Amino acid sequence: MNVLCIGDIVGKPGRDALGGLLDDIKRRENIDFTIVNAENSAGGSGLTPRIAKQLFKLGCDVLTLGDHVWDQKELETYLDESTDVIRPLNFPEGTPGVGYCIKETDKGVKVGVVNLLGRVFMRYQVECPFRVLEKAVKEITKETPIIFVDMHAETTSEKVAIGHFADGKVTALYGTHTHIQTADEKILSEGTAYITDLGMTGPYDSVIGQNKVNIIDRFLTSMPKRFKVAQGDGTLSGVVVKLDPKTGHAKAIKRIQEKFISSETS
């Protein structure tokens, strides 16, 4: 069984790259299930219900979020209505939406997906992701041994630590948020697939998806600048995890990074 995990969709270039590349990747890699981080898909900041529905039509099965989850006010109601879009589980009780879900593939195999938010250098005060994950795993394993975890966090140390903490308890734990794909994909000692960051799906001729001129000017002058999603072709980044559906253990993890050349620029 093969699961595709795709890093942060950034604006229209990211959505276009997903739309232009996803079907081909799914056929080529024999993908059974697709998980996408969508927290930057609406103009580089947040997600809207309209865009969420668009991403599902493109072939996504579950959408995860992160620290930009509340940037689009209209998403709050949608989160309470949708079980396919999950926000970080370690937000306080009473927050709109859910932090994990269990979905079936077309072949009837159940897949658990958990979304977490890191606490180091992040803007929200959230519960301990380690302890919250431990509780979620106990619940999800009552239904399926297949569990994928999106750890949306700033520091490599926090991601690496929770990866080892979750080793053998989940199928895969991967990082999102920094928009730079790391080259440390591996199967940990107890059978969990791991990578520190999937990278982004968006315009790589940029500073992590934003217009590079504006960002450079901000560094040079220390003056506030309005962030704007960079234009141009997008690149899809992520991993394919091969797993044993009976045990939930990962067998292989492979990085993917492919550029989409749109008809407008070709």
C-alpha atoms as a PDB file:
ATOM      1  CA  MET A   1       0.000   0.000   0.000  1.00  0.00           C
ATOM      2  CA  ASN A   2       1.321   3.455  -0.948  1.00  0.00           C
ATOM      3  CA  VAL A   3       0.409   6.775   0.686  1.00  0.00           C
ATOM      4  CA  LEU A   4       1.352  10.153  -0.788  1.00  0.00           C
ATOM      5  CA  CYS A   5       2.048  13.016   1.648  1.00  0.00           C
ATOM      6  CA  ILE A   6       2.326  16.487   0.105  1.00  0.00           C
ATOM      7  CA  GLY A   7       3.864  19.568   1.721  1.00  0.00           C
ATOM      8  CA  ASP A   8       2.281  22.981   2.286  1.00  0.00           C
ATOM      9  CA  ILE A   9       0.265  24.224  -0.690  1.00  0.00           C
ATOM     10  CA  VAL A  10       1.208  27.894  -1.207  1.00  0.00           C
ATOM     11  CA  GLY A  11      -1.240  30.068  -3.116  1.00  0.00           C
ATOM     12  CA  LYS A  12      -2.342  29.640  -6.719  1.00  0.00           C
ATOM     13  CA  PRO A  13       1.070  28.407  -7.956  1.00  0.00           C
ATOM     14  CA  GLY A  14       0.836  25.578  -5.430  1.00  0.00           C
ATOM     15  CA  ARG A  15      -2.738  24.743  -6.343  1.00  0.00           C
ATOM     16  CA  ASP A  16      -1.842  24.774 -10.036  1.00  0.00           C
ATOM     17  CA  ALA A  17       1.125  22.465  -9.450  1.00  0.00           C
ATOM     18  CA  LEU A  18      -1.077  20.068  -7.511  1.00  0.00           C
ATOM     19  CA  GLY A  19      -3.684  20.086 -10.248  1.00  0.00           C
ATOM     20  CA  GLY A  20      -1.118  19.603 -12.992  1.00  0.00           C
ATOM     21  CA  LEU A  21       0.943  16.848 -11.368  1.00  0.00           C
ATOM     22  CA  LEU A  22      -1.166  14.891  -8.889  1.00  0.00           C
ATOM     23  CA  ASP A  23      -2.943  12.508 -11.270  1.00  0.00           C
ATOM     24  CA  ASP A  24       0.298  11.507 -12.970  1.00  0.00           C
ATOM     25  CA  ILE A  25       2.120  10.947  -9.672  1.00  0.00           C
ATOM     26  CA  LYS A  26      -0.744   8.878  -8.308  1.00  0.00           C
ATOM     27  CA  ARG A  27      -0.728   6.636 -11.388  1.00  0.00           C
ATOM     28  CA  ARG A  28       3.049   6.322 -11.533  1.00  0.00           C
ATOM     29  CA  GLU A  29       3.493   5.604  -7.829  1.00  0.00           C
ATOM     30  CA  ASN A  30       0.359   3.461  -7.493  1.00  0.00           C
ATOM     31  CA  ILE A  31      -1.008   5.702  -4.735  1.00  0.00           C
ATOM     32  CA  ASP A  32      -3.858   4.458  -2.554  1.00  0.00           C
ATOM     33  CA  PHE A  33      -4.320   7.528  -0.325  1.00  0.00           C
ATOM     34  CA  THR A  34      -3.262  11.189  -0.465  1.00  0.00           C
ATOM     35  CA  ILE A  35      -2.712  13.581   2.469  1.00  0.00           C
ATOM     36  CA  VAL A  36      -2.028  17.271   1.764  1.00  0.00           C
ATOM     37  CA  ASN A  37      -1.118  20.173   4.038  1.00  0.00           C
ATOM     38  CA  ALA A  38      -3.342  23.035   2.844  1.00  0.00           C
ATOM     39  CA  GLU A  39      -2.739  25.768   5.415  1.00  0.00           C
ATOM     40  CA  ASN A  40      -1.174  28.249   2.957  1.00  0.00           C
ATOM     41  CA  SER A  41      -3.367  27.489  -0.032  1.00  0.00           C
ATOM     42  CA  ALA A  42      -5.550  30.638   0.135  1.00  0.00           C
ATOM     43  CA  GLY A  43      -3.301  33.478  -0.981  1.00  0.00           C
ATOM     44  CA  GLY A  44      -0.439  32.028   1.049  1.00  0.00           C
ATOM     45  CA  SER A  45      -2.314  32.348   4.328  1.00  0.00           C
ATOM     46  CA  GLY A  46      -4.978  29.913   5.487  1.00  0.00           C
ATOM     47  CA  LEU A  47      -7.632  27.856   3.725  1.00  0.00           C
ATOM     48  CA  THR A  48     -11.157  28.644   2.545  1.00  0.00           C
ATOM     49  CA  PRO A  49     -14.050  26.191   2.105  1.00  0.00           C
ATOM     50  CA  ARG A  50     -14.067  26.888  -1.636  1.00  0.00           C
ATOM     51  CA  ILE A  51     -10.394  25.998  -2.014  1.00  0.00           C
ATOM     52  CA  ALA A  52     -10.766  22.953   0.233  1.00  0.00           C
ATOM     53  CA  LYS A  53     -13.489  21.617  -2.070  1.00  0.00           C
ATOM     54  CA  GLN A  54     -11.269  22.346  -5.071  1.00  0.00           C
ATOM     55  CA  LEU A  55      -8.388  20.361  -3.539  1.00  0.00           C
ATOM     56  CA  PHE A  56     -10.657  17.393  -2.865  1.00  0.00           C
ATOM     57  CA  LYS A  57     -11.810  17.449  -6.500  1.00  0.00           C
ATOM     58  CA  LEU A  58      -8.158  17.290  -7.560  1.00  0.00           C
ATOM     59  CA  GLY A  59      -7.776  14.010  -5.678  1.00  0.00           C
ATOM     60  CA  CYS A  60      -6.810  14.781  -2.078  1.00  0.00           C
ATOM     61  CA  ASP A  61      -8.259  12.496   0.602  1.00  0.00           C
ATOM     62  CA  VAL A  62      -7.406  14.438   3.783  1.00  0.00           C
ATOM     63  CA  LEU A  63      -6.267  18.046   4.287  1.00  0.00           C
ATOM     64  CA  THR A  64      -4.149  19.039   7.283  1.00  0.00           C
ATOM     65  CA  LEU A  65      -3.497  22.548   8.585  1.00  0.00           C
ATOM     66  CA  GLY A  66      -1.117  24.434  10.893  1.00  0.00           C
ATOM     67  CA  ASP A  67      -0.507  27.807  12.489  1.00  0.00           C
ATOM     68  CA  HIS A  68      -2.402  29.681   9.741  1.00  0.00           C
ATOM     69  CA  VAL A  69      -5.569  27.704  10.415  1.00  0.00           C
ATOM     70  CA  TRP A  70      -7.504  30.758  11.701  1.00  0.00           C
ATOM     71  CA  ASP A  71      -6.341  33.244   9.048  1.00  0.00           C
ATOM     72  CA  GLN A  72      -9.535  32.789   7.001  1.00  0.00           C
ATOM     73  CA  LYS A  73     -12.508  33.389   9.304  1.00  0.00           C
ATOM     74  CA  GLU A  74     -14.962  31.467   7.122  1.00  0.00           C
ATOM     75  CA  LEU A  75     -13.066  28.218   7.718  1.00  0.00           C
ATOM     76  CA  GLU A  76     -14.202  27.962  11.346  1.00  0.00           C
ATOM     77  CA  THR A  77     -17.740  26.827  10.526  1.00  0.00           C
ATOM     78  CA  TYR A  78     -16.498  24.557   7.741  1.00  0.00           C
ATOM     79  CA  LEU A  79     -14.153  22.774  10.159  1.00  0.00           C
ATOM     80  CA  ASP A  80     -17.119  21.782  12.295  1.00  0.00           C
ATOM     81  CA  GLU A  81     -18.878  20.402   9.226  1.00  0.00           C
ATOM     82  CA  SER A  82     -16.000  18.547   7.568  1.00  0.00           C
ATOM     83  CA  THR A  83     -14.241  15.414   8.791  1.00  0.00           C
ATOM     84  CA  ASP A  84     -11.768  15.463   5.884  1.00  0.00           C
ATOM     85  CA  VAL A  85     -10.072  18.724   6.939  1.00  0.00           C
ATOM     86  CA  ILE A  86      -8.291  18.531  10.280  1.00  0.00           C
ATOM     87  CA  ARG A  87      -6.588  21.221  12.355  1.00  0.00           C
ATOM     88  CA  PRO A  88      -3.846  20.662  14.941  1.00  0.00           C
ATOM     89  CA  LEU A  89      -5.122  18.294  17.609  1.00  0.00           C
ATOM     90  CA  ASN A  90      -3.317  20.055  20.453  1.00  0.00           C
ATOM     91  CA  PHE A  91      -5.364  23.259  20.270  1.00  0.00           C
ATOM     92  CA  PRO A  92      -7.467  23.785  23.420  1.00  0.00           C
ATOM     93  CA  GLU A  93     -10.732  21.938  23.940  1.00  0.00           C
ATOM     94  CA  GLY A  94     -13.650  23.753  22.332  1.00  0.00           C
ATOM     95  CA  THR A  95     -11.683  24.854  19.269  1.00  0.00           C
ATOM     96  CA  PRO A  96     -13.636  24.379  16.004  1.00  0.00           C
ATOM     97  CA  GLY A  97     -12.951  21.184  14.096  1.00  0.00           C
ATOM     98  CA  VAL A  98     -11.129  17.958  14.911  1.00  0.00           C
ATOM     99  CA  GLY A  99      -7.458  17.067  15.152  1.00  0.00           C
ATOM    100  CA  TYR A 100      -7.502  13.588  13.683  1.00  0.00           C
ATOM    101  CA  CYS A 101      -9.634  11.481  11.396  1.00  0.00           C
ATOM    102  CA  ILE A 102      -9.931   7.927  10.121  1.00  0.00           C
ATOM    103  CA  LYS A 103     -10.736   7.472   6.447  1.00  0.00           C
ATOM    104  CA  GLU A 104     -11.079   4.462   4.172  1.00  0.00           C
ATOM    105  CA  THR A 105      -9.262   3.972   0.885  1.00  0.00           C
ATOM    106  CA  ASP A 106     -11.104   2.771  -2.200  1.00  0.00           C
ATOM    107  CA  LYS A 107     -10.028  -0.728  -1.187  1.00  0.00           C
ATOM    108  CA  GLY A 108     -11.626  -0.404   2.252  1.00  0.00           C
ATOM    109  CA  VAL A 109      -8.408   0.022   4.248  1.00  0.00           C
ATOM    110  CA  LYS A 110      -8.686   2.483   7.142  1.00  0.00           C
ATOM    111  CA  VAL A 111      -6.044   5.209   7.484  1.00  0.00           C
ATOM    112  CA  GLY A 112      -5.684   7.418  10.559  1.00  0.00           C
ATOM    113  CA  VAL A 113      -4.346  10.953  10.090  1.00  0.00           C
ATOM    114  CA  VAL A 114      -3.231  13.189  12.964  1.00  0.00           C
ATOM    115  CA  ASN A 115      -2.328  16.897  12.773  1.00  0.00           C
ATOM    116  CA  LEU A 116      -0.101  18.457  15.457  1.00  0.00           C
ATOM    117  CA  LEU A 117       1.371  21.908  16.093  1.00  0.00           C
ATOM    118  CA  GLY A 118       4.821  22.464  17.537  1.00  0.00           C
ATOM    119  CA  ARG A 119       5.428  24.677  20.559  1.00  0.00           C
ATOM    120  CA  VAL A 120       8.936  26.026  19.913  1.00  0.00           C
ATOM    121  CA  PHE A 121       8.992  29.468  18.211  1.00  0.00           C
ATOM    122  CA  MET A 122       5.321  29.173  17.238  1.00  0.00           C
ATOM    123  CA  ARG A 123       2.655  31.815  17.847  1.00  0.00           C
ATOM    124  CA  TYR A 124       0.054  29.743  19.695  1.00  0.00           C
ATOM    125  CA  GLN A 125       0.032  28.296  23.191  1.00  0.00           C
ATOM    126  CA  VAL A 126      -0.977  24.697  22.632  1.00  0.00           C
ATOM    127  CA  GLU A 127      -0.929  21.482  24.609  1.00  0.00           C
ATOM    128  CA  CYS A 128       2.070  19.163  24.552  1.00  0.00           C
ATOM    129  CA  PRO A 129       2.078  17.475  21.115  1.00  0.00           C
ATOM    130  CA  PHE A 130       3.882  14.419  22.511  1.00  0.00           C
ATOM    131  CA  ARG A 131       1.227  13.622  25.125  1.00  0.00           C
ATOM    132  CA  VAL A 132      -1.656  14.529  22.832  1.00  0.00           C
ATOM    133  CA  LEU A 133      -0.290  12.218  20.132  1.00  0.00           C
ATOM    134  CA  GLU A 134       0.072   9.376  22.621  1.00  0.00           C
ATOM    135  CA  LYS A 135      -3.627   9.643  23.540  1.00  0.00           C
ATOM    136  CA  ALA A 136      -4.707   9.843  19.901  1.00  0.00           C
ATOM    137  CA  VAL A 137      -2.703   6.767  18.929  1.00  0.00           C
ATOM    138  CA  LYS A 138      -4.471   4.732  21.636  1.00  0.00           C
ATOM    139  CA  GLU A 139      -7.834   5.684  20.157  1.00  0.00           C
ATOM    140  CA  ILE A 140      -6.940   5.267  16.487  1.00  0.00           C
ATOM    141  CA  THR A 141      -5.297   1.855  16.921  1.00  0.00           C
ATOM    142  CA  LYS A 142      -8.660   0.511  18.087  1.00  0.00           C
ATOM    143  CA  GLU A 143      -9.673   0.783  14.422  1.00  0.00           C
ATOM    144  CA  THR A 144      -6.473   0.688  12.376  1.00  0.00           C
ATOM    145  CA  PRO A 145      -2.693   0.266  12.766  1.00  0.00           C
ATOM    146  CA  ILE A 146      -2.091   2.742   9.907  1.00  0.00           C
ATOM    147  CA  ILE A 147      -1.437   6.207  11.304  1.00  0.00           C
ATOM    148  CA  PHE A 148       0.120   9.228   9.563  1.00  0.00           C
ATOM    149  CA  VAL A 149       1.163  12.286  11.567  1.00  0.00           C
ATOM    150  CA  ASP A 150       1.712  15.815  10.229  1.00  0.00           C
ATOM    151  CA  MET A 151       3.900  17.649  12.761  1.00  0.00           C
ATOM    152  CA  HIS A 152       3.622  21.319  11.803  1.00  0.00           C
ATOM    153  CA  ALA A 153       6.586  22.841  13.613  1.00  0.00           C
ATOM    154  CA  GLU A 154       9.434  25.333  13.284  1.00  0.00           C
ATOM    155  CA  THR A 155      12.475  23.575  14.734  1.00  0.00           C
ATOM    156  CA  THR A 156      14.168  20.457  13.481  1.00  0.00           C
ATOM    157  CA  SER A 157      14.885  19.322  17.037  1.00  0.00           C
ATOM    158  CA  GLU A 158      11.205  19.228  18.015  1.00  0.00           C
ATOM    159  CA  LYS A 159      10.327  17.277  14.864  1.00  0.00           C
ATOM    160  CA  VAL A 160      13.192  14.814  15.270  1.00  0.00           C
ATOM    161  CA  ALA A 161      12.348  14.265  18.929  1.00  0.00           C
ATOM    162  CA  ILE A 162       8.678  13.522  18.334  1.00  0.00           C
ATOM    163  CA  GLY A 163       9.656  11.268  15.444  1.00  0.00           C
ATOM    164  CA  HIS A 164      11.666   9.066  17.783  1.00  0.00           C
ATOM    165  CA  PHE A 165       8.932   9.319  20.421  1.00  0.00           C
ATOM    166  CA  ALA A 166       6.382   8.015  17.906  1.00  0.00           C
ATOM    167  CA  ASP A 167       8.661   5.348  16.403  1.00  0.00           C
ATOM    168  CA  GLY A 168       6.856   2.021  16.273  1.00  0.00           C
ATOM    169  CA  LYS A 169       3.559   3.648  17.307  1.00  0.00           C
ATOM    170  CA  VAL A 170       2.660   5.236  13.954  1.00  0.00           C
ATOM    171  CA  THR A 171       3.259   4.422  10.298  1.00  0.00           C
ATOM    172  CA  ALA A 172       4.832   7.758   9.416  1.00  0.00           C
ATOM    173  CA  LEU A 173       5.601  11.082  11.035  1.00  0.00           C
ATOM    174  CA  TYR A 174       6.605  13.970   8.818  1.00  0.00           C
ATOM    175  CA  GLY A 175       7.245  17.644   9.358  1.00  0.00           C
ATOM    176  CA  THR A 176       5.656  20.609   7.606  1.00  0.00           C
ATOM    177  CA  HIS A 177       5.787  24.420   8.009  1.00  0.00           C
ATOM    178  CA  THR A 178       9.343  25.448   7.022  1.00  0.00           C
ATOM    179  CA  HIS A 179       8.652  25.072   3.261  1.00  0.00           C
ATOM    180  CA  ILE A 180      12.140  23.643   2.617  1.00  0.00           C
ATOM    181  CA  GLN A 181      12.324  19.930   1.847  1.00  0.00           C
ATOM    182  CA  THR A 182      14.887  18.085   3.964  1.00  0.00           C
ATOM    183  CA  ALA A 183      16.992  15.144   2.779  1.00  0.00           C
ATOM    184  CA  ASP A 184      16.772  12.990   5.916  1.00  0.00           C
ATOM    185  CA  GLU A 185      13.985  10.608   4.937  1.00  0.00           C
ATOM    186  CA  LYS A 186      14.407   7.252   6.678  1.00  0.00           C
ATOM    187  CA  ILE A 187      12.707   4.302   8.329  1.00  0.00           C
ATOM    188  CA  LEU A 188      13.340   4.566  12.055  1.00  0.00           C
ATOM    189  CA  SER A 189      14.437   1.553  14.090  1.00  0.00           C
ATOM    190  CA  GLU A 190      10.917   0.460  15.106  1.00  0.00           C
ATOM    191  CA  GLY A 191       9.354   0.800  11.652  1.00  0.00           C
ATOM    192  CA  THR A 192       8.111   4.393  11.401  1.00  0.00           C
ATOM    193  CA  ALA A 193       8.829   6.426   8.251  1.00  0.00           C
ATOM    194  CA  TYR A 194      10.224   9.880   9.009  1.00  0.00           C
ATOM    195  CA  ILE A 195      11.296  13.124   7.303  1.00  0.00           C
ATOM    196  CA  THR A 196      11.891  16.461   9.008  1.00  0.00           C
ATOM    197  CA  ASP A 197      10.056  18.526   6.386  1.00  0.00           C
ATOM    198  CA  LEU A 198       8.144  17.655   3.232  1.00  0.00           C
ATOM    199  CA  GLY A 199       8.867  21.032   1.661  1.00  0.00           C
ATOM    200  CA  MET A 200       6.205  23.186   0.031  1.00  0.00           C
ATOM    201  CA  THR A 201       4.088  22.858  -3.051  1.00  0.00           C
ATOM    202  CA  GLY A 202       4.395  26.328  -4.480  1.00  0.00           C
ATOM    203  CA  PRO A 203       6.724  28.771  -6.287  1.00  0.00           C
ATOM    204  CA  TYR A 204      10.331  27.925  -5.476  1.00  0.00           C
ATOM    205  CA  ASP A 205      11.662  31.086  -7.188  1.00  0.00           C
ATOM    206  CA  SER A 206      10.819  32.864  -3.950  1.00  0.00           C
ATOM    207  CA  VAL A 207      11.593  33.084  -0.258  1.00  0.00           C
ATOM    208  CA  ILE A 208       9.587  30.134   1.085  1.00  0.00           C
ATOM    209  CA  GLY A 209       6.762  30.981  -1.308  1.00  0.00           C
ATOM    210  CA  GLN A 210       6.723  34.762  -0.870  1.00  0.00           C
ATOM    211  CA  ASN A 211       7.890  37.428  -3.325  1.00  0.00           C
ATOM    212  CA  LYS A 212      11.661  37.484  -2.898  1.00  0.00           C
ATOM    213  CA  VAL A 213      12.096  41.224  -3.568  1.00  0.00           C
ATOM    214  CA  ASN A 214       9.751  42.170  -0.711  1.00  0.00           C
ATOM    215  CA  ILE A 215      11.395  39.779   1.719  1.00  0.00           C
ATOM    216  CA  ILE A 216      14.932  40.840   0.864  1.00  0.00           C
ATOM    217  CA  ASP A 217      13.933  44.492   1.242  1.00  0.00           C
ATOM    218  CA  ARG A 218      12.503  43.746   4.663  1.00  0.00           C
ATOM    219  CA  PHE A 219      15.803  42.197   5.756  1.00  0.00           C
ATOM    220  CA  LEU A 220      17.750  45.158   4.375  1.00  0.00           C
ATOM    221  CA  THR A 221      15.605  47.912   5.873  1.00  0.00           C
ATOM    222  CA  SER A 222      13.898  46.289   8.884  1.00  0.00           C
ATOM    223  CA  MET A 223      10.744  47.994   7.653  1.00  0.00           C
ATOM    224  CA  PRO A 224       7.450  46.087   7.502  1.00  0.00           C
ATOM    225  CA  LYS A 225       6.507  44.809   4.073  1.00  0.00           C
ATOM    226  CA  ARG A 226       3.303  43.208   2.898  1.00  0.00           C
ATOM    227  CA  PHE A 227       3.914  39.547   2.124  1.00  0.00           C
ATOM    228  CA  LYS A 228       2.765  38.489  -1.329  1.00  0.00           C
ATOM    229  CA  VAL A 229       2.828  35.022  -2.858  1.00  0.00           C
ATOM    230  CA  ALA A 230       5.454  34.796  -5.595  1.00  0.00           C
ATOM    231  CA  GLN A 231       4.338  34.212  -9.167  1.00  0.00           C
ATOM    232  CA  GLY A 232       5.629  31.635 -11.613  1.00  0.00           C
ATOM    233  CA  ASP A 233       5.688  27.893 -11.877  1.00  0.00           C
ATOM    234  CA  GLY A 234       5.064  25.793  -8.796  1.00  0.00           C
ATOM    235  CA  THR A 235       6.913  22.722  -7.570  1.00  0.00           C
ATOM    236  CA  LEU A 236       5.189  19.835  -5.825  1.00  0.00           C
ATOM    237  CA  SER A 237       7.092  18.411  -2.844  1.00  0.00           C
ATOM    238  CA  GLY A 238       6.368  15.450  -0.622  1.00  0.00           C
ATOM    239  CA  VAL A 239       7.017  11.778   0.020  1.00  0.00           C
ATOM    240  CA  VAL A 240       5.587   8.411  -0.908  1.00  0.00           C
ATOM    241  CA  VAL A 241       5.409   5.938   1.984  1.00  0.00           C
ATOM    242  CA  LYS A 242       5.112   2.233   1.239  1.00  0.00           C
ATOM    243  CA  LEU A 243       3.607   0.263   4.111  1.00  0.00           C
ATOM    244  CA  ASP A 244       2.310  -3.101   5.225  1.00  0.00           C
ATOM    245  CA  PRO A 245      -1.452  -2.572   5.719  1.00  0.00           C
ATOM    246  CA  LYS A 246      -1.676  -5.460   8.175  1.00  0.00           C
ATOM    247  CA  THR A 247       0.937  -4.168  10.634  1.00  0.00           C
ATOM    248  CA  GLY A 248       0.958  -0.485   9.746  1.00  0.00           C
ATOM    249  CA  HIS A 249       4.761  -0.558   9.571  1.00  0.00           C
ATOM    250  CA  ALA A 250       6.485   1.469   6.870  1.00  0.00           C
ATOM    251  CA  LYS A 251       8.600  -0.422   4.344  1.00  0.00           C
ATOM    252  CA  ALA A 252      10.036   2.492   2.369  1.00  0.00           C
ATOM    253  CA  ILE A 253       9.916   6.280   2.066  1.00  0.00           C
ATOM    254  CA  LYS A 254      10.798   8.203  -1.087  1.00  0.00           C
ATOM    255  CA  ARG A 255      11.064  11.960  -1.584  1.00  0.00           C
ATOM    256  CA  ILE A 256       9.272  13.616  -4.490  1.00  0.00           C
ATOM    257  CA  GLN A 257       9.942  17.092  -5.867  1.00  0.00           C
ATOM    258  CA  GLU A 258       8.579  17.889  -9.326  1.00  0.00           C
ATOM    259  CA  LYS A 259       8.171  21.203 -11.117  1.00  0.00           C
ATOM    260  CA  PHE A 260       4.979  22.013 -12.960  1.00  0.00           C
ATOM    261  CA  ILE A 261       5.431  24.065 -16.127  1.00  0.00           C
ATOM    262  CA  SER A 262       2.140  25.837 -16.712  1.00  0.00           C
ATOM    263  CA  SER A 263       0.825  26.552 -20.198  1.00  0.00           C
ATOM    264  CA  GLU A 264       1.024  30.272 -19.414  1.00  0.00           C
ATOM    265  CA  THR A 265       4.831  30.173 -19.121  1.00  0.00           C
ATOM    266  CA  SER A 266       5.727  27.274 -21.430  1.00  0.00           C
END
